[in-house]
Protein backbone atom coordinates (compact mmCIF):
# COMPACT_ATOMS: atom_id res chain seq x y z
CA MET A 1 -73.24 -68.62 -87.31
CA ALA A 2 -76.40 -69.11 -89.31
CA GLN A 3 -76.69 -71.93 -91.65
CA ILE A 4 -76.82 -70.54 -95.31
CA ARG A 5 -78.64 -72.72 -97.89
CA PHE A 6 -79.36 -71.76 -101.51
CA GLY A 7 -82.90 -72.70 -102.63
CA THR A 8 -84.90 -72.38 -105.89
CA ASP A 9 -83.08 -69.39 -106.84
CA GLY A 10 -80.39 -67.94 -104.41
CA TRP A 11 -80.34 -67.69 -100.71
CA ARG A 12 -83.17 -65.80 -99.09
CA SER A 13 -83.78 -65.05 -95.34
CA VAL A 14 -85.29 -62.44 -93.05
CA ILE A 15 -83.47 -59.03 -92.84
CA ALA A 16 -81.97 -58.76 -89.53
CA GLU A 17 -82.52 -62.20 -88.47
CA ASP A 18 -80.28 -64.18 -90.84
CA PHE A 19 -79.99 -61.71 -93.57
CA THR A 20 -77.42 -59.42 -91.96
CA PHE A 21 -74.44 -57.51 -93.13
CA ALA A 22 -72.12 -60.12 -91.37
CA ASN A 23 -73.78 -63.12 -93.28
CA VAL A 24 -73.94 -61.37 -96.69
CA ALA A 25 -70.18 -60.93 -96.28
CA ARG A 26 -69.75 -64.53 -95.49
CA VAL A 27 -71.44 -65.55 -98.64
CA ALA A 28 -69.62 -62.94 -100.72
CA GLN A 29 -66.49 -64.33 -99.46
CA ALA A 30 -67.54 -67.88 -100.17
CA THR A 31 -68.62 -66.67 -103.53
CA ALA A 32 -65.14 -65.09 -104.19
CA ASP A 33 -63.27 -68.11 -103.17
CA TYR A 34 -65.46 -70.36 -105.32
CA TRP A 35 -65.04 -68.21 -108.42
CA GLY A 36 -61.43 -67.75 -107.57
CA ALA A 37 -60.97 -71.78 -107.49
CA ASN A 38 -62.98 -72.15 -110.48
CA PRO A 39 -61.96 -69.42 -113.27
CA VAL A 40 -64.14 -69.54 -116.37
CA ASN A 41 -62.16 -69.29 -119.64
CA GLY A 42 -62.75 -66.37 -121.44
CA THR A 43 -63.98 -64.29 -118.79
CA GLU A 44 -62.57 -61.46 -116.93
CA ARG A 45 -61.98 -61.44 -113.10
CA LYS A 46 -64.90 -59.05 -112.95
CA VAL A 47 -68.36 -59.25 -111.17
CA ILE A 48 -71.45 -57.22 -111.76
CA VAL A 49 -73.37 -56.44 -108.53
CA GLY A 50 -76.87 -55.25 -108.45
CA TYR A 51 -79.74 -54.71 -106.09
CA ASP A 52 -83.65 -54.18 -105.64
CA ARG A 53 -85.72 -51.88 -103.74
CA ARG A 54 -85.93 -53.73 -100.59
CA PHE A 55 -84.82 -52.25 -97.29
CA PHE A 56 -81.11 -51.61 -97.20
CA SER A 57 -80.65 -53.64 -100.55
CA ASP A 58 -78.14 -50.80 -101.47
CA ARG A 59 -76.15 -51.15 -98.53
CA PHE A 60 -76.13 -55.16 -98.65
CA ALA A 61 -74.85 -54.75 -102.38
CA GLN A 62 -72.17 -52.35 -101.18
CA THR A 63 -71.03 -55.16 -98.66
CA ALA A 64 -70.98 -57.77 -101.28
CA ALA A 65 -69.03 -55.34 -103.67
CA GLU A 66 -66.50 -54.63 -100.96
CA VAL A 67 -65.77 -58.33 -100.30
CA LEU A 68 -65.64 -59.13 -103.83
CA ALA A 69 -62.99 -56.23 -104.31
CA GLY A 70 -61.25 -57.22 -101.17
CA ASN A 71 -60.55 -60.62 -102.89
CA GLY A 72 -58.84 -59.16 -106.03
CA PHE A 73 -62.08 -58.93 -108.24
CA ASP A 74 -63.19 -55.93 -110.34
CA VAL A 75 -66.74 -55.03 -109.41
CA VAL A 76 -69.25 -53.03 -111.35
CA LEU A 77 -71.76 -51.87 -108.82
CA THR A 78 -75.18 -50.46 -110.02
CA PRO A 79 -75.75 -46.92 -108.58
CA ALA A 80 -79.50 -47.50 -108.46
CA PRO A 81 -82.11 -50.21 -108.12
CA THR A 82 -81.78 -52.50 -111.18
CA PRO A 83 -84.03 -55.27 -112.71
CA THR A 84 -82.44 -58.69 -112.27
CA PRO A 85 -82.41 -59.38 -116.13
CA ALA A 86 -80.49 -56.24 -116.33
CA VAL A 87 -77.58 -57.63 -114.14
CA SER A 88 -77.75 -60.97 -115.95
CA PHE A 89 -77.45 -59.40 -119.42
CA ALA A 90 -74.27 -57.18 -118.11
CA VAL A 91 -72.73 -60.29 -116.96
CA ARG A 92 -72.91 -61.97 -120.49
CA GLN A 93 -72.37 -58.77 -122.61
CA GLN A 94 -69.30 -57.86 -120.63
CA LYS A 95 -67.89 -61.47 -120.38
CA VAL A 96 -67.38 -61.46 -116.66
CA VAL A 97 -66.85 -64.28 -114.20
CA GLY A 98 -70.67 -63.82 -112.83
CA GLY A 99 -73.08 -61.66 -110.98
CA VAL A 100 -74.70 -61.15 -107.61
CA MET A 101 -78.12 -59.64 -107.34
CA ILE A 102 -79.26 -58.51 -103.87
CA THR A 103 -83.00 -59.41 -104.03
CA ALA A 104 -85.66 -61.57 -102.58
CA SER A 105 -87.73 -61.30 -105.63
CA HIS A 106 -91.44 -61.75 -104.87
CA ASN A 107 -90.99 -62.62 -101.29
CA PRO A 108 -92.57 -60.50 -98.24
CA PRO A 109 -90.94 -57.37 -97.47
CA MET A 110 -89.24 -58.55 -94.29
CA PHE A 111 -87.10 -61.13 -96.77
CA ASN A 112 -83.89 -60.08 -98.62
CA GLY A 113 -81.65 -62.56 -100.85
CA PHE A 114 -78.43 -63.15 -102.69
CA LYS A 115 -78.96 -64.34 -106.25
CA LEU A 116 -75.89 -65.92 -108.08
CA LYS A 117 -75.48 -65.21 -111.69
CA SER A 118 -72.95 -67.32 -113.84
CA HIS A 119 -70.75 -66.20 -116.89
CA TYR A 120 -73.43 -66.99 -119.42
CA GLY A 121 -76.05 -64.52 -118.10
CA GLY A 122 -78.27 -66.78 -116.06
CA SER A 123 -79.07 -68.27 -112.64
CA SER A 124 -76.07 -70.18 -111.43
CA ASP A 125 -76.68 -74.04 -111.69
CA PRO A 126 -77.19 -76.10 -108.54
CA GLU A 127 -73.50 -77.62 -108.54
CA THR A 128 -72.10 -73.84 -108.32
CA CYS A 129 -74.56 -72.92 -105.55
CA LYS A 130 -73.51 -76.10 -103.74
CA GLY A 131 -69.85 -75.04 -104.53
CA VAL A 132 -70.28 -71.73 -102.82
CA GLU A 133 -72.15 -73.35 -99.78
CA ASN A 134 -69.04 -75.62 -99.39
CA MET A 135 -66.81 -72.61 -99.31
CA LEU A 136 -68.50 -71.04 -96.60
CA ASP A 137 -66.19 -69.97 -93.68
CA ARG A 138 -63.40 -71.78 -95.34
CA ASN A 139 -61.36 -68.24 -95.18
CA PRO A 140 -61.85 -65.03 -93.33
CA VAL A 141 -63.70 -62.24 -94.84
CA ARG A 142 -61.54 -59.78 -96.79
CA VAL A 143 -62.86 -56.29 -97.33
CA LEU A 144 -61.75 -53.36 -99.47
CA PRO A 145 -63.95 -50.45 -98.17
CA LEU A 146 -65.83 -48.66 -101.00
CA GLU A 147 -64.32 -45.15 -101.31
CA GLU A 148 -60.76 -46.88 -101.41
CA ALA A 149 -61.81 -49.41 -103.72
CA ARG A 150 -63.32 -46.69 -106.05
CA ARG A 151 -59.84 -44.81 -105.79
CA GLU A 152 -58.03 -48.03 -106.75
CA GLY A 153 -60.22 -48.79 -109.63
CA ARG A 154 -61.57 -51.84 -108.09
CA ILE A 155 -65.27 -50.87 -107.83
CA LEU A 156 -67.18 -48.85 -110.68
CA LEU A 157 -70.51 -47.31 -110.28
CA LYS A 158 -72.32 -47.78 -113.59
CA ASP A 159 -75.82 -48.23 -114.61
CA VAL A 160 -76.29 -51.45 -116.64
CA ARG A 161 -79.91 -50.62 -117.71
CA PRO A 162 -79.22 -48.61 -120.88
CA ALA A 163 -77.27 -51.76 -122.60
CA HIS A 164 -80.26 -54.02 -121.66
CA TYR A 165 -83.01 -51.55 -123.00
CA THR A 166 -80.83 -51.29 -126.30
CA ALA A 167 -80.71 -55.21 -126.42
CA LEU A 168 -84.35 -55.46 -125.67
CA LYS A 169 -85.32 -53.07 -128.69
CA LYS A 170 -83.36 -55.32 -130.99
CA LEU A 171 -85.03 -58.50 -129.69
CA VAL A 172 -88.63 -57.51 -130.57
CA ASP A 173 -90.03 -55.70 -133.49
CA PHE A 174 -89.70 -52.51 -131.91
CA ARG A 175 -90.77 -50.20 -134.88
CA LEU A 176 -93.97 -51.98 -135.04
CA ILE A 177 -94.67 -51.49 -131.29
CA ALA A 178 -93.66 -47.93 -131.68
CA ARG A 179 -96.16 -47.21 -134.17
CA SER A 180 -98.99 -49.35 -132.77
CA LYS A 181 -100.68 -46.46 -130.78
CA LEU A 182 -101.09 -48.97 -127.95
CA ARG A 183 -102.51 -47.77 -124.84
CA PHE A 184 -101.44 -50.00 -121.96
CA ALA A 185 -100.74 -49.92 -118.10
CA HIS A 186 -97.80 -51.40 -116.20
CA ASP A 187 -98.39 -52.61 -112.40
CA ALA A 188 -94.73 -52.41 -111.09
CA LEU A 189 -95.93 -53.75 -107.63
CA PHE A 190 -93.62 -51.09 -105.95
CA GLY A 191 -90.48 -52.98 -107.55
CA VAL A 192 -87.65 -51.94 -109.75
CA GLY A 193 -89.57 -52.19 -113.12
CA ALA A 194 -91.37 -49.01 -112.32
CA GLY A 195 -90.54 -46.60 -115.20
CA CYS A 196 -88.88 -49.08 -117.56
CA PHE A 197 -91.59 -49.12 -120.18
CA GLU A 198 -92.03 -45.43 -120.09
CA GLU A 199 -88.25 -45.24 -120.79
CA LEU A 200 -88.31 -47.84 -123.53
CA LEU A 201 -91.27 -46.30 -125.22
CA ARG A 202 -90.62 -42.49 -124.78
CA GLY A 203 -91.12 -40.81 -128.08
CA THR A 204 -93.30 -43.65 -129.51
CA THR A 205 -97.12 -43.40 -130.25
CA CYS A 206 -97.70 -45.81 -127.38
CA ARG A 207 -99.31 -44.39 -124.14
CA VAL A 208 -97.90 -45.98 -120.78
CA THR A 209 -99.66 -45.48 -117.46
CA THR A 210 -97.45 -46.81 -114.53
CA LEU A 211 -99.10 -48.04 -111.65
CA ASN A 212 -97.73 -48.60 -107.96
CA ALA A 213 -94.72 -47.07 -109.22
CA THR A 214 -93.07 -45.50 -105.65
CA HIS A 215 -90.17 -46.78 -103.89
CA ASP A 216 -91.78 -48.41 -100.98
CA PRO A 217 -89.64 -51.16 -99.05
CA LEU A 218 -93.01 -52.39 -97.74
CA PHE A 219 -94.58 -52.87 -101.33
CA GLY A 220 -97.80 -51.14 -100.30
CA GLY A 221 -98.64 -54.00 -98.10
CA ILE A 222 -98.37 -56.79 -100.55
CA ASN A 223 -95.91 -59.24 -101.74
CA PRO A 224 -94.63 -58.18 -105.02
CA GLU A 225 -95.61 -61.19 -106.73
CA PRO A 226 -97.64 -61.21 -110.03
CA ILE A 227 -100.77 -63.09 -108.74
CA ASP A 228 -104.41 -62.09 -108.62
CA LYS A 229 -104.64 -61.20 -104.84
CA ASN A 230 -102.01 -58.40 -105.37
CA TYR A 231 -103.89 -56.72 -108.05
CA ALA A 232 -106.90 -55.33 -106.25
CA ARG A 233 -105.66 -51.49 -106.44
CA SER A 234 -104.77 -51.56 -110.26
CA ALA A 235 -107.76 -53.72 -111.01
CA ALA A 236 -110.05 -50.93 -109.63
CA PHE A 237 -108.10 -48.11 -111.59
CA LEU A 238 -108.72 -50.30 -114.85
CA ARG A 239 -112.30 -50.50 -114.31
CA LYS A 240 -112.55 -46.62 -114.48
CA HIS A 241 -109.84 -46.15 -116.92
CA PRO A 242 -109.70 -48.99 -119.56
CA HIS A 243 -106.47 -49.63 -121.22
CA ASP A 244 -105.51 -52.24 -124.03
CA ILE A 245 -103.64 -54.52 -121.54
CA CYS A 246 -101.88 -54.13 -118.07
CA LEU A 247 -98.35 -55.89 -117.82
CA VAL A 248 -97.25 -56.78 -114.30
CA THR A 249 -93.73 -57.19 -113.19
CA ASP A 250 -92.58 -58.71 -109.94
CA GLY A 251 -90.35 -57.10 -107.29
CA ASP A 252 -87.10 -57.56 -109.45
CA ALA A 253 -88.76 -57.37 -112.74
CA ASP A 254 -87.59 -60.84 -113.88
CA ARG A 255 -91.25 -62.12 -113.92
CA VAL A 256 -94.37 -61.26 -115.73
CA GLY A 257 -98.24 -61.42 -115.05
CA GLY A 258 -100.92 -59.27 -116.50
CA MET A 259 -104.47 -58.21 -116.44
CA ASP A 260 -106.90 -57.24 -119.51
CA GLY A 261 -107.47 -53.77 -120.15
CA ARG A 262 -110.27 -53.75 -117.73
CA GLY A 263 -108.71 -55.09 -114.57
CA ASN A 264 -109.51 -58.83 -115.08
CA TYR A 265 -106.85 -61.12 -114.18
CA LEU A 266 -104.68 -63.09 -116.76
CA SER A 267 -102.86 -65.98 -115.05
CA THR A 268 -99.16 -66.47 -115.69
CA HIS A 269 -100.22 -69.62 -117.49
CA GLN A 270 -102.58 -67.83 -119.81
CA VAL A 271 -99.59 -65.39 -120.47
CA ILE A 272 -97.24 -68.25 -121.10
CA CYS A 273 -99.60 -69.76 -123.62
CA LEU A 274 -100.34 -66.36 -125.41
CA LEU A 275 -96.54 -65.94 -126.00
CA LEU A 276 -96.06 -69.37 -127.28
CA ARG A 277 -98.82 -68.94 -129.60
CA HIS A 278 -97.32 -65.62 -130.71
CA PHE A 279 -94.07 -66.98 -131.38
CA VAL A 280 -95.40 -70.11 -133.38
CA VAL A 281 -98.21 -68.45 -135.46
CA ASN A 282 -97.08 -64.96 -135.86
CA ARG A 283 -93.21 -65.19 -135.50
CA LYS A 284 -93.04 -68.65 -137.39
CA GLY A 285 -90.68 -69.81 -134.70
CA ARG A 286 -89.52 -73.51 -134.35
CA GLY A 287 -87.54 -75.17 -131.62
CA ARG A 288 -87.88 -77.08 -128.35
CA VAL A 289 -90.28 -75.73 -125.83
CA VAL A 290 -89.12 -76.12 -122.22
CA LYS A 291 -91.41 -75.70 -119.25
CA ALA A 292 -91.26 -76.42 -115.49
CA LEU A 293 -93.56 -79.22 -114.44
CA THR A 294 -95.80 -77.06 -112.29
CA THR A 295 -96.77 -75.26 -115.73
CA THR A 296 -100.20 -75.60 -117.49
CA SER A 297 -100.74 -78.67 -119.65
CA MET A 298 -102.20 -76.44 -122.33
CA VAL A 299 -98.55 -76.17 -123.46
CA ASP A 300 -98.29 -79.79 -123.72
CA LYS A 301 -101.40 -79.66 -126.07
CA MET A 302 -99.97 -76.65 -128.13
CA CYS A 303 -96.68 -78.45 -128.76
CA ALA A 304 -98.28 -81.49 -129.99
CA GLU A 305 -100.68 -79.48 -132.44
CA HIS A 306 -97.57 -77.68 -133.87
CA GLY A 307 -95.02 -80.60 -133.75
CA LEU A 308 -92.95 -79.02 -131.40
CA GLN A 309 -90.58 -81.13 -129.03
CA LEU A 310 -91.53 -80.33 -125.24
CA VAL A 311 -89.09 -80.66 -122.53
CA GLU A 312 -90.39 -80.71 -119.07
CA THR A 313 -87.93 -79.63 -116.00
CA GLY A 314 -88.05 -79.30 -112.18
CA VAL A 315 -89.07 -76.45 -110.47
CA GLY A 316 -86.65 -73.42 -110.63
CA PHE A 317 -85.69 -71.51 -113.84
CA LYS A 318 -82.04 -72.69 -113.32
CA TYR A 319 -83.32 -76.17 -114.62
CA VAL A 320 -84.92 -74.32 -117.86
CA CYS A 321 -81.67 -72.30 -118.07
CA ALA A 322 -79.87 -75.41 -118.37
CA GLU A 323 -81.87 -76.67 -121.34
CA MET A 324 -81.49 -73.06 -123.03
CA LEU A 325 -77.93 -73.38 -122.77
CA LYS A 326 -77.98 -76.27 -125.02
CA GLY A 327 -79.66 -74.41 -127.78
CA ASP A 328 -82.74 -74.65 -130.25
CA VAL A 329 -85.25 -73.44 -127.73
CA LEU A 330 -88.16 -71.46 -128.72
CA LEU A 331 -89.48 -70.61 -125.31
CA GLY A 332 -88.55 -71.57 -121.78
CA ALA A 333 -91.12 -70.87 -119.15
CA GLU A 334 -92.27 -71.57 -115.32
CA GLU A 335 -95.46 -71.36 -113.47
CA SER A 336 -94.48 -68.35 -111.68
CA GLY A 337 -94.20 -66.09 -114.68
CA GLY A 338 -90.52 -66.44 -115.48
CA ILE A 339 -89.97 -66.87 -119.26
CA GLY A 340 -86.96 -66.95 -121.36
CA PHE A 341 -86.69 -66.19 -124.81
CA PRO A 342 -84.32 -67.20 -127.92
CA GLY A 343 -81.45 -64.63 -129.08
CA HIS A 344 -81.51 -63.20 -125.48
CA ILE A 345 -80.15 -64.39 -122.10
CA PRO A 346 -80.62 -67.80 -120.75
CA GLU A 347 -82.74 -66.07 -118.16
CA ARG A 348 -86.18 -65.03 -117.12
CA ASP A 349 -86.88 -61.36 -118.25
CA GLY A 350 -90.23 -59.59 -117.36
CA ILE A 351 -89.43 -56.55 -119.34
CA ALA A 352 -88.65 -58.86 -122.50
CA ALA A 353 -92.07 -60.62 -122.03
CA GLY A 354 -93.91 -57.43 -121.59
CA LEU A 355 -92.57 -56.29 -125.00
CA PHE A 356 -93.38 -59.31 -126.52
CA LEU A 357 -96.91 -59.08 -125.44
CA LEU A 358 -97.11 -55.62 -126.79
CA GLU A 359 -95.33 -57.00 -130.11
CA MET A 360 -98.22 -59.55 -130.11
CA LEU A 361 -101.03 -57.00 -129.75
CA ALA A 362 -99.49 -54.89 -132.42
CA VAL A 363 -99.62 -57.67 -134.87
CA GLU A 364 -102.91 -59.20 -134.10
CA ARG A 365 -104.84 -55.97 -133.56
CA VAL A 366 -107.61 -57.81 -131.49
CA SER A 367 -108.05 -58.09 -127.66
CA VAL A 368 -106.26 -60.24 -125.48
CA ASN A 369 -109.34 -61.84 -124.37
CA ARG A 370 -110.22 -62.70 -127.86
CA LEU A 371 -107.01 -64.50 -128.27
CA LEU A 372 -107.54 -66.38 -125.05
CA ALA A 373 -110.99 -67.28 -126.24
CA GLY A 374 -109.29 -68.74 -129.29
CA LEU A 375 -106.79 -70.71 -127.41
CA GLU A 376 -109.64 -72.39 -124.98
CA LYS A 377 -111.87 -73.18 -127.95
CA LYS A 378 -108.99 -75.09 -129.74
CA PHE A 379 -107.31 -76.55 -126.55
CA GLY A 380 -110.01 -76.57 -123.78
CA PRO A 381 -110.25 -74.64 -120.53
CA HIS A 382 -107.39 -74.88 -118.16
CA ARG A 383 -107.83 -73.57 -114.53
CA TYR A 384 -105.13 -73.58 -111.95
CA GLY A 385 -104.58 -73.31 -108.42
CA ARG A 386 -101.99 -73.63 -105.64
CA ILE A 387 -101.94 -73.55 -101.90
CA ASP A 388 -99.23 -73.71 -99.43
CA THR A 389 -99.37 -75.69 -96.30
CA HIS A 390 -97.28 -76.31 -93.26
CA PHE A 391 -95.61 -79.62 -93.13
CA PRO A 392 -92.78 -80.91 -91.16
CA LEU A 393 -89.42 -81.26 -92.72
CA GLU A 394 -88.46 -84.43 -91.23
CA LYS A 395 -91.73 -86.15 -92.55
CA ARG A 396 -91.48 -84.94 -96.22
CA ALA A 397 -89.39 -87.79 -97.29
CA GLU A 398 -91.67 -90.24 -95.90
CA LEU A 399 -94.67 -88.40 -97.65
CA MET A 400 -93.10 -88.40 -100.86
CA GLU A 401 -92.16 -92.11 -100.76
CA PHE A 402 -95.83 -92.73 -99.75
CA LEU A 403 -97.37 -90.80 -102.64
CA LYS A 404 -95.05 -92.37 -105.20
CA SER A 405 -96.10 -96.00 -104.00
CA ASN A 406 -99.89 -94.94 -103.38
CA PRO A 407 -101.25 -92.85 -106.13
CA PRO A 408 -104.75 -92.23 -106.38
CA ALA A 409 -106.49 -94.37 -109.09
CA LYS A 410 -108.42 -91.50 -110.51
CA LEU A 411 -108.45 -87.62 -110.65
CA LEU A 412 -111.90 -86.37 -110.83
CA GLY A 413 -113.27 -89.51 -112.40
CA SER A 414 -110.22 -89.75 -114.96
CA PRO A 415 -107.55 -92.59 -114.60
CA VAL A 416 -104.24 -91.36 -113.39
CA ALA A 417 -102.08 -92.22 -116.56
CA GLU A 418 -98.61 -91.05 -115.21
CA VAL A 419 -96.75 -90.51 -111.89
CA LYS A 420 -93.68 -88.31 -112.02
CA SER A 421 -91.41 -88.02 -109.04
CA TYR A 422 -88.25 -86.03 -110.04
CA ASP A 423 -89.13 -82.93 -108.06
CA GLY A 424 -92.02 -83.52 -105.82
CA VAL A 425 -94.65 -86.11 -106.88
CA LYS A 426 -96.99 -85.11 -109.72
CA PHE A 427 -100.09 -87.28 -110.68
CA VAL A 428 -101.50 -86.90 -114.34
CA ALA A 429 -104.73 -88.11 -115.38
CA ALA A 430 -105.85 -89.33 -118.79
CA ASN A 431 -107.84 -85.98 -119.36
CA SER A 432 -104.68 -83.88 -118.71
CA SER A 433 -105.84 -82.66 -115.23
CA TRP A 434 -103.12 -82.86 -112.58
CA LEU A 435 -102.29 -82.66 -108.94
CA MET A 436 -98.78 -82.23 -107.63
CA LEU A 437 -97.26 -82.00 -103.98
CA ARG A 438 -93.61 -80.57 -103.50
CA GLY A 439 -91.68 -79.23 -100.74
CA SER A 440 -90.06 -76.01 -100.40
CA GLY A 441 -86.33 -76.11 -100.73
CA THR A 442 -85.56 -74.55 -97.33
CA GLU A 443 -88.74 -74.16 -95.43
CA PRO A 444 -91.18 -76.51 -93.58
CA ILE A 445 -93.61 -75.67 -96.30
CA LEU A 446 -95.44 -78.10 -98.70
CA ARG A 447 -96.83 -76.68 -101.95
CA ILE A 448 -100.04 -78.30 -103.52
CA TYR A 449 -100.48 -77.45 -107.13
CA ALA A 450 -103.58 -78.70 -109.37
CA GLU A 451 -104.98 -77.89 -112.80
CA ALA A 452 -108.36 -79.09 -114.18
CA ALA A 453 -111.06 -78.01 -116.49
CA SER A 454 -113.05 -76.07 -113.96
CA GLU A 455 -112.34 -73.97 -110.71
CA THR A 456 -114.54 -76.25 -109.04
CA GLY A 457 -112.36 -79.26 -110.19
CA VAL A 458 -109.26 -77.40 -109.21
CA ARG A 459 -110.62 -76.93 -105.73
CA LYS A 460 -111.35 -80.69 -105.38
CA LEU A 461 -107.93 -81.68 -106.44
CA LEU A 462 -106.57 -79.30 -103.94
CA GLN A 463 -108.60 -80.78 -101.16
CA LEU A 464 -107.49 -84.27 -102.26
CA GLY A 465 -103.86 -83.05 -101.92
CA VAL A 466 -104.49 -81.80 -98.31
CA SER A 467 -105.98 -85.13 -97.46
CA LEU A 468 -102.97 -87.08 -99.09
CA THR A 469 -100.81 -85.22 -96.46
CA ARG A 470 -102.65 -86.56 -93.64
CA LYS A 471 -101.90 -90.19 -94.70
CA VAL A 472 -98.37 -89.90 -93.24
């Protein structure tokens, strides 16, 4: 039997290796057992099940739905590939016990995954995920076949996207966007976000060009992640056909990236800072700002400038979600492009983030590059990089202890002012440049992150990070 562990956001594995129908059924049974043993007051014994465009995602979702139905849960199963935030929104709106999303998000095409959503409409907390793990194989798998479950009213096929779209139109200043005459592109990276902005803005003055929209389980040979190396095809198109901006959503449309209208890369950190500025300056928002500790230090400087409380969390939006559930949060963000918004679900939502970027441009009536230049003039340049290296799992704890006990005296000539060790180890210099080493939750991979004022500085910090791994 395959060992199943939930990582940063759900269980992910290689299709036909560990991600099989039998193992999905095991996890679904454990989920049913956990929710059955831990009912949530005020919720129905019902589950929302959705899926992305990956190979056999629809069949894996059907398997999960049949097991949940076999355990006495009513199930709403989406009839088509659906963005993760739409599933999360349905969980909260319909007041159900939870949700299951079959997706591996931005991972390579050979992967699929099983994301758990709790009743509040966000990623399940680590305790819930551990609880499901502990329920694995406690009971035999119980299945109610799809057609029988539909006849008995246990499984209902229903599109949950329209309700999500309605909520998004209320979340932003949709009238302003609708009359803005913005001409923008959307790179869907072959994921479930394809067509969503066309649907949302149909009948408005906006003109939408959707790129990489076909349903391709191989994602056109890329990983559907909003990073520079995956934008080549769209960037070439934009150089020939300029737009106001290009929004990018990942494979399951819960994260956002972007390019300017001529195909120049916008990092997820830049997008986060643009949105934070928009919420403070244009929307006159107040509240706590929550960021994962791998997110740009420009956020720290912006919070200090505007008198906003900053809360830093471990990596994984479930930790940002936990802070959002406490209330009074202006923005929640993580380095990978996951952003959560007040008045919405405590969940990252790439479609909502895209609409807020359009609202920003409709208000400002200047280019995104001019807005970024203003941020850099005020807070200084911030450049970021990350590399993933192979590192043995059995030596990781020893490496982390070594790093905590032996921090470098300086980063790029600036004294190390702080060492943070609650999720990996992060060295922060007095000039706000930083270096961080952190292991993957489930694989023998060590991630090395760095931020500095220049690309050269980032490369030097990443090289320092690699050299530190050789000390153990």
